[in-house]
Amino acid sequence: MECYFILGKGGVGKSTISILKALAFVQNEKRVTLISLDQAHNLFDIIGQSKNQLPKTLRIFEPDIEQFIKKYLQQSEQLLQKNYRYLTSLNLEHHFKVLKQTPGLEEYGLLLAFQYFFNKGEAKADVLIFDMPPTAVALKFFSLPFVSVVWLEQLLKLRNEILEKKEIISKVKFGRKKIETDAIKKNLEQQLIRYQQLADLFRNRKNCKIVLVANPDSISLAESQRIGKQLTDLNIPVSQFYLNKNKALKQPVADFSLISGAELRKLPESDKTLIGLPELMDFSRENFSDLI
């Protein structure tokens, strides 16, 4: 299963290109699931009244990210209650409206949403396409597993030091095996494995493909450069660079320092408004099938 993440500056056409890409895969007899991770969902707005005429091999979801944030808070509460039973009345649910505004929670919610669809394999789809939120949130989404790995490694190191200094027996012998009994240490190890797997997935160019979208103007291209640099710093490769509405380009592409290693793909500006499935299918068939 391949995963595509569509990134770029707001207004460059990420959602439309996500749909066109999905339709191109469908026309190549692939089973596709398209998921919007942008809370300002507009996939069905673009498809319009023809949403009930979608191909059977294409499924589209606009998940409520707030529900995934709520799930994350509930999991955190359960974990605290399990490991610290003396905290008998955390009542995080009561404070959800405040806690959901905590910095970083949106990225955790997005990550849970991504894992939900990825682990589910979304009914054994061949391709998952994620229409990403604005640049700042999208970059935090990709950074989160890497930051979490560093943080968890330090916490795990600290926990080991605490166990050693307090001479707490964290393992018991059961037959020929030793069983870990320190719940906090075990949880840290499980989380570390989870985030390391996510970091490895994002760096896997074969299964995870980053697609940057820009319009042919200096502001859009400059933001794409910054996105590419920050992803490069995380060792996440950019696979494709889509130059949308290419007819408007007033300066040769070669004059811009674009994304190193990414395949440049140019899309023409449509003469029609790309709203509704018939227009989208026609444009995808004519201009997009060889660009997937």
Protein backbone atom coordinates (compact mmCIF):
# COMPACT_ATOMS: atom_id res chain seq x y z
CA MET A 1 0.00 0.00 0.00
CA GLU A 2 1.31 3.43 -1.00
CA CYS A 3 0.68 6.63 0.96
CA TYR A 4 0.70 10.06 -0.67
CA PHE A 5 0.76 13.28 1.34
CA ILE A 6 -0.26 16.42 -0.58
CA LEU A 7 1.38 19.55 0.90
CA GLY A 8 1.73 23.18 -0.05
CA LYS A 9 0.80 26.74 0.65
CA GLY A 10 -2.88 27.47 1.26
CA GLY A 11 -4.81 28.13 -1.94
CA VAL A 12 -2.43 26.43 -4.39
CA GLY A 13 -4.93 23.67 -5.18
CA LYS A 14 -3.91 20.83 -2.82
CA SER A 15 -7.44 19.50 -2.41
CA THR A 16 -8.21 19.61 -6.14
CA ILE A 17 -4.93 17.87 -6.98
CA SER A 18 -5.64 15.28 -4.28
CA ILE A 19 -8.92 14.46 -6.02
CA LEU A 20 -7.34 14.48 -9.51
CA LYS A 21 -4.59 12.17 -8.30
CA ALA A 22 -7.14 9.83 -6.74
CA LEU A 23 -9.19 9.74 -9.95
CA ALA A 24 -6.05 9.05 -12.01
CA PHE A 25 -5.26 6.04 -9.83
CA VAL A 26 -8.86 4.84 -10.11
CA GLN A 27 -8.65 5.03 -13.90
CA ASN A 28 -5.55 2.86 -13.59
CA GLU A 29 -7.68 0.26 -11.79
CA LYS A 30 -6.40 1.03 -8.30
CA ARG A 31 -8.50 1.00 -5.15
CA VAL A 32 -8.05 4.42 -3.58
CA THR A 33 -8.96 6.04 -0.28
CA LEU A 34 -8.71 9.83 -0.08
CA ILE A 35 -8.63 11.37 3.41
CA SER A 36 -8.73 15.05 4.31
CA LEU A 37 -6.58 15.87 7.34
CA ASP A 38 -7.34 19.56 6.94
CA GLN A 39 -10.05 20.53 9.42
CA ALA A 40 -11.39 23.01 6.84
CA HIS A 41 -12.58 20.08 4.74
CA ASN A 42 -13.53 20.91 1.17
CA LEU A 43 -13.17 17.67 -0.81
CA PHE A 44 -16.92 17.17 -1.10
CA ASP A 45 -17.35 20.88 -1.88
CA ILE A 46 -15.12 20.39 -4.92
CA ILE A 47 -16.89 17.21 -5.97
CA GLY A 48 -20.21 18.96 -5.49
CA GLN A 49 -23.57 17.37 -6.21
CA SER A 50 -21.92 14.44 -7.98
CA LYS A 51 -20.55 12.98 -4.73
CA ASN A 52 -23.06 10.12 -4.94
CA GLN A 53 -21.62 9.16 -8.33
CA LEU A 54 -18.10 8.37 -7.12
CA PRO A 55 -16.44 5.30 -8.61
CA LYS A 56 -16.85 2.21 -6.43
CA THR A 57 -13.07 1.93 -6.09
CA LEU A 58 -12.77 5.43 -4.60
CA ARG A 59 -13.64 6.20 -0.99
CA ILE A 60 -13.41 9.69 0.51
CA PHE A 61 -13.32 10.58 4.19
CA GLU A 62 -13.35 13.91 6.01
CA PRO A 63 -12.74 12.77 9.61
CA ASP A 64 -13.53 14.92 12.63
CA ILE A 65 -10.02 15.58 13.98
CA GLU A 66 -11.47 16.89 17.24
CA GLN A 67 -12.77 13.38 17.96
CA PHE A 68 -9.26 12.00 17.56
CA ILE A 69 -7.97 14.70 19.93
CA LYS A 70 -10.61 13.66 22.43
CA LYS A 71 -9.54 10.04 22.01
CA TYR A 72 -5.92 11.01 22.69
CA LEU A 73 -6.93 12.83 25.89
CA GLN A 74 -8.98 9.83 27.02
CA GLN A 75 -6.05 7.49 26.39
CA SER A 76 -3.79 9.82 28.37
CA GLU A 77 -6.25 9.85 31.27
CA GLN A 78 -6.49 6.06 31.27
CA LEU A 79 -2.72 5.75 31.21
CA LEU A 80 -2.31 8.13 34.16
CA GLN A 81 -5.00 6.34 36.16
CA LYS A 82 -3.40 2.99 35.44
CA ASN A 83 0.13 4.01 36.43
CA TYR A 84 -0.78 6.46 39.18
CA ARG A 85 -3.80 4.96 40.93
CA TYR A 86 -3.51 7.44 43.77
CA LEU A 87 -4.74 10.11 41.35
CA THR A 88 -8.34 9.00 41.78
CA SER A 89 -10.10 11.99 40.25
CA LEU A 90 -8.32 13.37 37.18
CA ASN A 91 -11.59 14.11 35.41
CA LEU A 92 -9.91 15.21 32.15
CA GLU A 93 -13.23 14.88 30.34
CA HIS A 94 -14.60 17.75 32.40
CA HIS A 95 -11.76 19.99 31.25
CA PHE A 96 -11.76 18.87 27.59
CA LYS A 97 -12.69 22.30 26.20
CA VAL A 98 -9.58 23.78 27.81
CA LEU A 99 -7.22 20.85 27.27
CA LYS A 100 -8.00 20.57 23.55
CA GLN A 101 -6.43 24.02 23.09
CA THR A 102 -3.10 22.78 24.48
CA PRO A 103 -0.27 23.41 21.97
CA GLY A 104 0.59 20.26 20.04
CA LEU A 105 -2.71 18.44 20.53
CA GLU A 106 -3.83 19.04 16.95
CA GLU A 107 -0.76 17.23 15.64
CA TYR A 108 -1.43 14.27 17.95
CA GLY A 109 -5.01 14.19 16.70
CA LEU A 110 -3.82 14.22 13.09
CA LEU A 111 -1.33 11.47 13.82
CA LEU A 112 -4.04 9.31 15.41
CA ALA A 113 -6.29 9.92 12.39
CA PHE A 114 -3.47 8.93 10.04
CA GLN A 115 -2.74 5.77 12.05
CA TYR A 116 -6.42 4.87 12.11
CA PHE A 117 -6.69 4.84 8.32
CA PHE A 118 -3.20 3.40 7.76
CA ASN A 119 -3.55 0.53 10.25
CA LYS A 120 -7.03 -0.20 9.00
CA GLY A 121 -5.55 -0.44 5.53
CA GLU A 122 -8.84 1.23 4.64
CA ALA A 123 -10.51 -1.87 3.31
CA LYS A 124 -7.27 -3.03 1.67
CA ALA A 125 -6.89 0.00 -0.56
CA ASP A 126 -3.95 0.06 -2.96
CA VAL A 127 -3.37 3.77 -2.39
CA LEU A 128 -4.03 6.16 0.50
CA ILE A 129 -3.96 9.88 -0.33
CA PHE A 130 -3.89 12.44 2.47
CA ASP A 131 -4.93 16.03 1.75
CA MET A 132 -2.81 17.82 4.34
CA PRO A 133 -3.55 20.91 6.47
CA PRO A 134 -1.71 24.25 6.07
CA THR A 135 2.07 24.24 6.07
CA ALA A 136 2.77 24.95 9.75
CA VAL A 137 0.49 22.18 11.04
CA ALA A 138 1.60 19.73 8.34
CA LEU A 139 5.27 20.19 9.23
CA LYS A 140 4.52 19.70 12.93
CA PHE A 141 2.66 16.51 11.99
CA PHE A 142 5.76 15.13 10.26
CA SER A 143 8.11 16.35 13.02
CA LEU A 144 6.09 14.86 15.87
CA PRO A 145 7.36 11.25 15.64
CA PHE A 146 10.99 12.39 15.52
CA VAL A 147 10.61 14.79 18.46
CA SER A 148 8.74 12.12 20.40
CA VAL A 149 11.51 9.55 19.83
CA VAL A 150 14.14 11.92 21.26
CA TRP A 151 11.90 12.81 24.21
CA LEU A 152 10.97 9.19 24.98
CA GLU A 153 14.58 8.04 24.81
CA GLN A 154 15.46 10.60 27.47
CA LEU A 155 12.46 9.66 29.62
CA LEU A 156 13.35 5.99 29.35
CA LYS A 157 16.93 6.75 30.35
CA LEU A 158 15.67 8.73 33.34
CA ARG A 159 13.30 5.92 34.35
CA ASN A 160 16.15 3.40 34.27
CA GLU A 161 18.23 5.68 36.49
CA ILE A 162 15.34 6.00 38.94
CA LEU A 163 14.90 2.23 39.08
CA GLU A 164 18.62 1.71 39.64
CA LYS A 165 19.00 4.40 42.30
CA LYS A 166 15.96 3.29 44.23
CA GLU A 167 17.00 -0.33 43.78
CA ILE A 168 13.51 -1.16 42.59
CA ILE A 169 13.20 -4.67 41.22
CA SER A 170 11.59 -4.18 37.83
CA LYS A 171 11.87 -7.75 36.61
CA VAL A 172 10.79 -11.06 38.10
CA LYS A 173 11.97 -14.49 37.02
CA PHE A 174 9.29 -16.78 35.67
CA GLY A 175 10.80 -20.08 34.68
CA ARG A 176 13.59 -19.25 32.26
CA LYS A 177 12.12 -15.86 31.38
CA LYS A 178 12.33 -12.46 33.02
CA ILE A 179 9.12 -10.45 32.96
CA GLU A 180 9.12 -6.66 33.05
CA THR A 181 6.94 -5.42 35.92
CA ASP A 182 7.55 -1.66 35.86
CA ALA A 183 4.44 -0.36 34.05
CA ILE A 184 5.87 3.10 33.39
CA LYS A 185 9.04 1.77 31.79
CA LYS A 186 7.05 -0.71 29.72
CA ASN A 187 4.74 2.03 28.44
CA LEU A 188 7.68 4.26 27.51
CA GLU A 189 9.23 1.40 25.56
CA GLN A 190 5.95 0.74 23.73
CA GLN A 191 5.55 4.39 22.80
CA LEU A 192 9.16 4.57 21.64
CA ILE A 193 8.59 1.63 19.28
CA ARG A 194 5.40 3.22 17.95
CA TYR A 195 6.98 6.58 17.16
CA GLN A 196 10.12 5.02 15.72
CA GLN A 197 7.96 3.00 13.34
CA LEU A 198 6.18 6.19 12.25
CA ALA A 199 9.50 7.98 11.72
CA ASP A 200 10.75 5.06 9.62
CA LEU A 201 7.54 5.06 7.58
CA PHE A 202 7.78 8.78 6.78
CA ARG A 203 11.36 8.25 5.59
CA ASN A 204 10.46 5.28 3.40
CA ARG A 205 10.35 6.67 -0.12
CA LYS A 206 8.92 3.46 -1.53
CA ASN A 207 5.73 3.46 0.54
CA CYS A 208 5.48 7.08 1.65
CA LYS A 209 5.53 9.77 -1.02
CA ILE A 210 5.55 13.49 -0.27
CA VAL A 211 3.94 15.59 -3.01
CA LEU A 212 4.51 19.35 -2.87
CA VAL A 213 2.14 21.64 -4.76
CA ALA A 214 2.91 25.24 -5.74
CA ASN A 215 1.58 27.89 -8.07
CA PRO A 216 4.09 29.59 -10.39
CA ASP A 217 4.63 32.67 -8.26
CA SER A 218 7.56 33.64 -6.06
CA ILE A 219 5.65 33.48 -2.75
CA SER A 220 4.26 30.00 -3.36
CA LEU A 221 7.60 28.70 -4.60
CA ALA A 222 9.46 30.23 -1.65
CA GLU A 223 7.15 28.49 0.81
CA SER A 224 7.66 25.21 -1.05
CA GLN A 225 11.42 25.68 -0.68
CA ARG A 226 11.01 26.11 3.07
CA ILE A 227 8.83 23.01 3.29
CA GLY A 228 11.39 21.03 1.33
CA LYS A 229 14.23 22.23 3.56
CA GLN A 230 12.45 21.33 6.79
CA LEU A 231 11.53 17.89 5.47
CA THR A 232 15.11 17.40 4.32
CA ASP A 233 16.29 18.25 7.83
CA LEU A 234 14.11 15.35 9.03
CA ASN A 235 15.56 13.16 6.26
CA ILE A 236 12.10 12.86 4.70
CA PRO A 237 12.46 12.94 0.90
CA VAL A 238 10.10 14.89 -1.36
CA SER A 239 9.06 12.62 -4.22
CA GLN A 240 7.10 14.93 -6.52
CA PHE A 241 6.77 18.66 -7.08
CA TYR A 242 3.59 19.72 -8.86
CA LEU A 243 3.65 23.12 -10.51
CA ASN A 244 -0.03 23.94 -10.75
CA LYS A 245 -1.62 26.43 -13.18
CA ASN A 246 1.57 26.35 -15.20
CA LYS A 247 0.26 28.72 -17.92
CA ALA A 248 0.69 31.63 -15.51
CA LEU A 249 4.44 31.11 -15.19
CA LYS A 250 6.24 34.33 -16.12
CA GLN A 251 9.72 33.20 -15.19
CA PRO A 252 11.50 29.99 -16.28
CA VAL A 253 11.30 27.22 -13.71
CA ALA A 254 15.06 26.80 -13.92
CA ASP A 255 15.47 30.24 -12.35
CA PHE A 256 13.96 28.95 -9.13
CA SER A 257 15.85 26.70 -6.75
CA LEU A 258 13.14 24.07 -6.36
CA ILE A 259 13.09 20.87 -4.35
CA SER A 260 16.25 18.82 -4.64
CA GLY A 261 15.61 15.27 -5.82
CA ALA A 262 11.89 15.79 -6.45
CA GLU A 263 10.38 15.02 -9.83
CA LEU A 264 8.96 18.21 -11.35
CA ARG A 265 5.53 17.78 -12.89
CA LYS A 266 3.67 20.62 -14.59
CA LEU A 267 -0.10 20.94 -14.63
CA PRO A 268 -1.85 23.28 -17.08
CA GLU A 269 -4.38 25.82 -15.96
CA SER A 270 -7.88 24.57 -16.67
CA ASP A 271 -10.17 26.58 -18.92
CA LYS A 272 -13.10 25.36 -16.83
CA THR A 273 -13.89 25.58 -13.13
CA LEU A 274 -12.95 22.20 -11.72
CA ILE A 275 -16.11 21.60 -9.70
CA GLY A 276 -18.10 18.42 -10.06
CA LEU A 277 -17.09 14.88 -10.91
CA PRO A 278 -17.53 15.07 -14.73
CA GLU A 279 -15.17 18.08 -15.05
CA LEU A 280 -12.68 16.52 -12.65
CA MET A 281 -12.74 13.17 -14.46
CA ASP A 282 -12.21 14.85 -17.85
CA PHE A 283 -9.30 16.96 -16.62
CA SER A 284 -7.71 14.01 -14.84
CA ARG A 285 -8.05 11.82 -17.92
CA GLU A 286 -6.59 14.44 -20.26
CA ASN A 287 -3.81 15.88 -18.12
CA PHE A 288 -3.16 13.75 -15.08
CA SER A 289 -3.10 10.03 -15.81
CA ASP A 290 0.61 10.08 -16.59
CA LEU A 291 1.42 12.25 -13.57
CA ILE A 292 0.47 9.90 -10.74
